[in-house]
Amino acid sequence: MQVVDEWSYSSNGPFAWSRPSGSDIDPDIDPGYAELLLLDGTGTEILRAVPLPNVALRARVSTEEALYVIGDQVEFHAETAVDRGEIRFPVVVMRLDHRTGEVLVRVFPQATVSSEPAIHATTDRAGWEQGPDGVEVSSEMIAAANGRLLVQPYGAGGPLVALAQDSLLPVDQD
């Protein structure tokens, strides 16, 4: 595996995004197989690898309880050329509990904005669950505030979408 992006530190230490060695595919266009690596304090030993196939990570935030990442679930068929401006990929939000190591991945389907077929969310892995229909979010940012995660809605404007930090499901903003 090769480290693609050394992201930063969480309360459990450094973490990095990696993919198979020799991979010459642009991870922002076709991420293929990749892992989130939790490293020891020196950044030289892998303590845990969390597989996130077909996910192009965009942003992350760490709280005392968990590390959260957000990205696009990107899956291409070799025979299909895709203009990313016309297709909205499902958005993936992942929670990695610092204490238990439990992983929850919530995949939010997104409506397509063109005549291209919709990209269906893939949730056939243990700990991966589909989010509710009609909650359209962007993968551009994630933040934590007041015990909630905040993500941008898809498109221009609008209030941030609040997610519960434990379930990654939408909650009301009080």
Protein backbone atom coordinates (compact mmCIF):
# COMPACT_ATOMS: atom_id res chain seq x y z
CA MET A 1 0.00 0.00 0.00
CA GLN A 2 1.12 3.54 -0.61
CA VAL A 3 0.08 6.57 1.37
CA VAL A 4 -1.91 8.91 -0.85
CA ASP A 5 -2.62 11.62 1.68
CA GLU A 6 -1.26 12.07 5.18
CA TRP A 7 -4.28 13.73 6.67
CA SER A 8 -3.57 14.61 10.28
CA TYR A 9 -4.03 13.54 13.86
CA SER A 10 -7.05 12.37 15.80
CA SER A 11 -7.13 11.79 19.55
CA ASN A 12 -5.87 8.26 18.82
CA GLY A 13 -2.87 9.43 16.80
CA PRO A 14 -2.02 9.96 13.15
CA PHE A 15 -4.06 8.56 10.29
CA ALA A 16 -3.55 8.39 6.53
CA TRP A 17 -5.43 7.46 3.35
CA SER A 18 -3.76 4.73 1.31
CA ARG A 19 -4.27 2.65 -1.82
CA PRO A 20 -2.45 -0.30 -3.43
CA SER A 21 1.17 0.32 -4.46
CA GLY A 22 1.74 0.93 -8.15
CA SER A 23 -1.70 2.46 -8.55
CA ASP A 24 -1.58 5.17 -11.20
CA ILE A 25 -5.31 5.96 -11.09
CA ASP A 26 -6.27 9.42 -9.86
CA PRO A 27 -7.96 8.78 -6.48
CA ASP A 28 -10.24 11.79 -6.94
CA ILE A 29 -11.66 10.36 -10.18
CA ASP A 30 -11.63 6.58 -9.66
CA PRO A 31 -10.61 5.70 -6.12
CA GLY A 32 -10.81 1.92 -6.49
CA TYR A 33 -9.68 0.12 -3.34
CA ALA A 34 -8.37 2.26 -0.52
CA GLU A 35 -8.02 2.21 3.26
CA LEU A 36 -8.00 4.63 6.14
CA LEU A 37 -4.90 3.74 8.16
CA LEU A 38 -4.66 4.44 11.87
CA LEU A 39 -0.98 4.69 12.77
CA ASP A 40 1.04 4.51 15.96
CA GLY A 41 2.33 7.70 17.57
CA THR A 42 5.45 7.67 15.38
CA GLY A 43 3.44 7.25 12.18
CA THR A 44 5.50 4.19 11.21
CA GLU A 45 3.30 1.26 12.28
CA ILE A 46 -0.24 0.51 11.13
CA LEU A 47 -2.49 -0.18 14.11
CA ARG A 48 -5.66 -0.67 12.09
CA ALA A 49 -6.76 -0.48 8.47
CA VAL A 50 -10.37 0.40 7.63
CA PRO A 51 -11.28 -0.55 4.04
CA LEU A 52 -13.30 2.06 2.14
CA PRO A 53 -13.58 0.75 -1.41
CA ASN A 54 -14.68 3.17 -4.11
CA VAL A 55 -14.66 6.19 -1.81
CA ALA A 56 -12.94 9.44 -2.72
CA LEU A 57 -12.43 11.18 0.62
CA ARG A 58 -12.92 14.94 0.73
CA ALA A 59 -12.86 16.12 4.35
CA ARG A 60 -12.53 14.94 7.94
CA VAL A 61 -13.07 16.05 11.52
CA SER A 62 -12.09 14.46 14.82
CA THR A 63 -13.91 14.82 18.13
CA GLU A 64 -13.12 13.32 21.54
CA GLU A 65 -15.40 10.39 20.70
CA ALA A 66 -14.69 9.60 17.05
CA LEU A 67 -12.99 10.35 13.77
CA TYR A 68 -15.39 11.28 10.94
CA VAL A 69 -14.65 11.40 7.21
CA ILE A 70 -16.84 12.37 4.27
CA GLY A 71 -16.44 11.65 0.58
CA ASP A 72 -18.05 10.49 -2.65
CA GLN A 73 -18.83 6.86 -3.42
CA VAL A 74 -17.47 6.72 -6.95
CA GLU A 75 -17.88 3.67 -9.16
CA PHE A 76 -17.21 3.74 -12.89
CA HIS A 77 -17.85 1.18 -15.55
CA ALA A 78 -14.92 1.01 -17.98
CA GLU A 79 -17.16 1.52 -21.00
CA THR A 80 -18.89 4.63 -19.63
CA ALA A 81 -17.38 8.09 -19.80
CA VAL A 82 -18.79 10.23 -17.02
CA ASP A 83 -18.81 14.00 -16.70
CA ARG A 84 -18.68 14.52 -12.93
CA GLY A 85 -20.47 17.83 -13.31
CA GLU A 86 -23.59 16.03 -14.50
CA ILE A 87 -23.70 13.11 -12.09
CA ARG A 88 -24.05 13.38 -8.34
CA PHE A 89 -22.41 10.49 -6.58
CA PRO A 90 -23.69 9.04 -3.29
CA VAL A 91 -22.06 10.74 -0.31
CA VAL A 92 -20.36 8.59 2.32
CA VAL A 93 -19.99 9.66 5.96
CA MET A 94 -17.87 7.35 8.15
CA ARG A 95 -17.58 7.28 11.94
CA LEU A 96 -14.67 5.48 13.62
CA ASP A 97 -15.17 5.31 17.40
CA HIS A 98 -11.92 6.15 19.22
CA ARG A 99 -12.71 3.95 22.23
CA THR A 100 -14.27 0.83 20.70
CA GLY A 101 -12.89 0.97 17.15
CA GLU A 102 -16.42 0.40 15.83
CA VAL A 103 -16.99 1.67 12.30
CA LEU A 104 -20.29 2.98 10.93
CA VAL A 105 -20.61 4.11 7.33
CA ARG A 106 -23.75 5.96 6.25
CA VAL A 107 -24.28 6.33 2.48
CA PHE A 108 -26.58 9.13 1.31
CA PRO A 109 -28.04 8.56 -2.18
CA GLN A 110 -28.12 11.68 -4.35
CA ALA A 111 -30.58 12.53 -7.08
CA THR A 112 -29.09 12.73 -10.56
CA VAL A 113 -29.26 16.10 -12.31
CA SER A 114 -29.03 14.94 -15.91
CA SER A 115 -30.33 12.29 -18.27
CA GLU A 116 -27.57 9.94 -17.07
CA PRO A 117 -28.71 6.99 -14.96
CA ALA A 118 -28.68 7.47 -11.20
CA ILE A 119 -25.64 6.13 -9.35
CA HIS A 120 -26.95 3.71 -6.76
CA ALA A 121 -25.49 3.70 -3.28
CA THR A 122 -23.62 0.52 -2.34
CA THR A 123 -24.19 -0.64 1.24
CA ASP A 124 -23.40 -4.36 1.03
CA ARG A 125 -20.56 -4.29 3.57
CA ALA A 126 -20.82 -4.89 7.32
CA GLY A 127 -21.41 -1.59 9.13
CA TRP A 128 -22.54 0.21 5.94
CA GLU A 129 -26.09 1.56 6.01
CA GLN A 130 -28.11 3.68 3.62
CA GLY A 131 -29.21 7.12 4.73
CA PRO A 132 -32.76 8.35 4.29
CA ASP A 133 -34.02 9.33 0.85
CA GLY A 134 -34.36 13.02 0.18
CA VAL A 135 -31.40 14.13 2.30
CA GLU A 136 -29.05 15.57 -0.30
CA VAL A 137 -25.67 16.61 0.99
CA SER A 138 -22.35 17.68 -0.45
CA SER A 139 -19.07 15.97 0.37
CA GLU A 140 -17.14 19.24 0.43
CA MET A 141 -17.02 19.79 4.20
CA ILE A 142 -17.78 18.26 7.58
CA ALA A 143 -17.61 19.97 10.96
CA ALA A 144 -18.56 19.18 14.55
CA ALA A 145 -20.48 21.61 16.77
CA ASN A 146 -22.87 21.33 19.71
CA GLY A 147 -22.73 17.52 19.72
CA ARG A 148 -23.67 17.26 16.03
CA LEU A 149 -21.93 16.89 12.72
CA LEU A 150 -22.62 19.59 10.16
CA VAL A 151 -22.39 19.01 6.41
CA GLN A 152 -23.23 21.24 3.47
CA PRO A 153 -26.47 20.72 1.59
CA TYR A 154 -26.12 19.99 -2.11
CA GLY A 155 -26.34 23.08 -4.29
CA ALA A 156 -26.06 26.74 -3.46
CA GLY A 157 -27.23 28.11 -0.15
CA GLY A 158 -29.49 26.58 2.40
CA PRO A 159 -28.84 25.72 6.02
CA LEU A 160 -26.23 23.15 6.97
CA VAL A 161 -27.52 19.60 7.44
CA ALA A 162 -27.08 18.36 11.03
CA LEU A 163 -26.28 14.68 11.64
CA ALA A 164 -26.29 12.83 14.96
CA GLN A 165 -22.68 11.96 15.84
CA ASP A 166 -23.57 8.41 16.92
CA SER A 167 -25.96 7.31 14.14
CA LEU A 168 -25.01 9.70 11.32
CA LEU A 169 -28.72 10.28 10.71
CA PRO A 170 -30.21 13.75 10.17
CA VAL A 171 -31.40 15.58 13.28
CA ASP A 172 -33.18 18.87 13.85
CA GLN A 173 -31.00 21.88 14.58
CA ASP A 174 -32.24 23.53 17.74
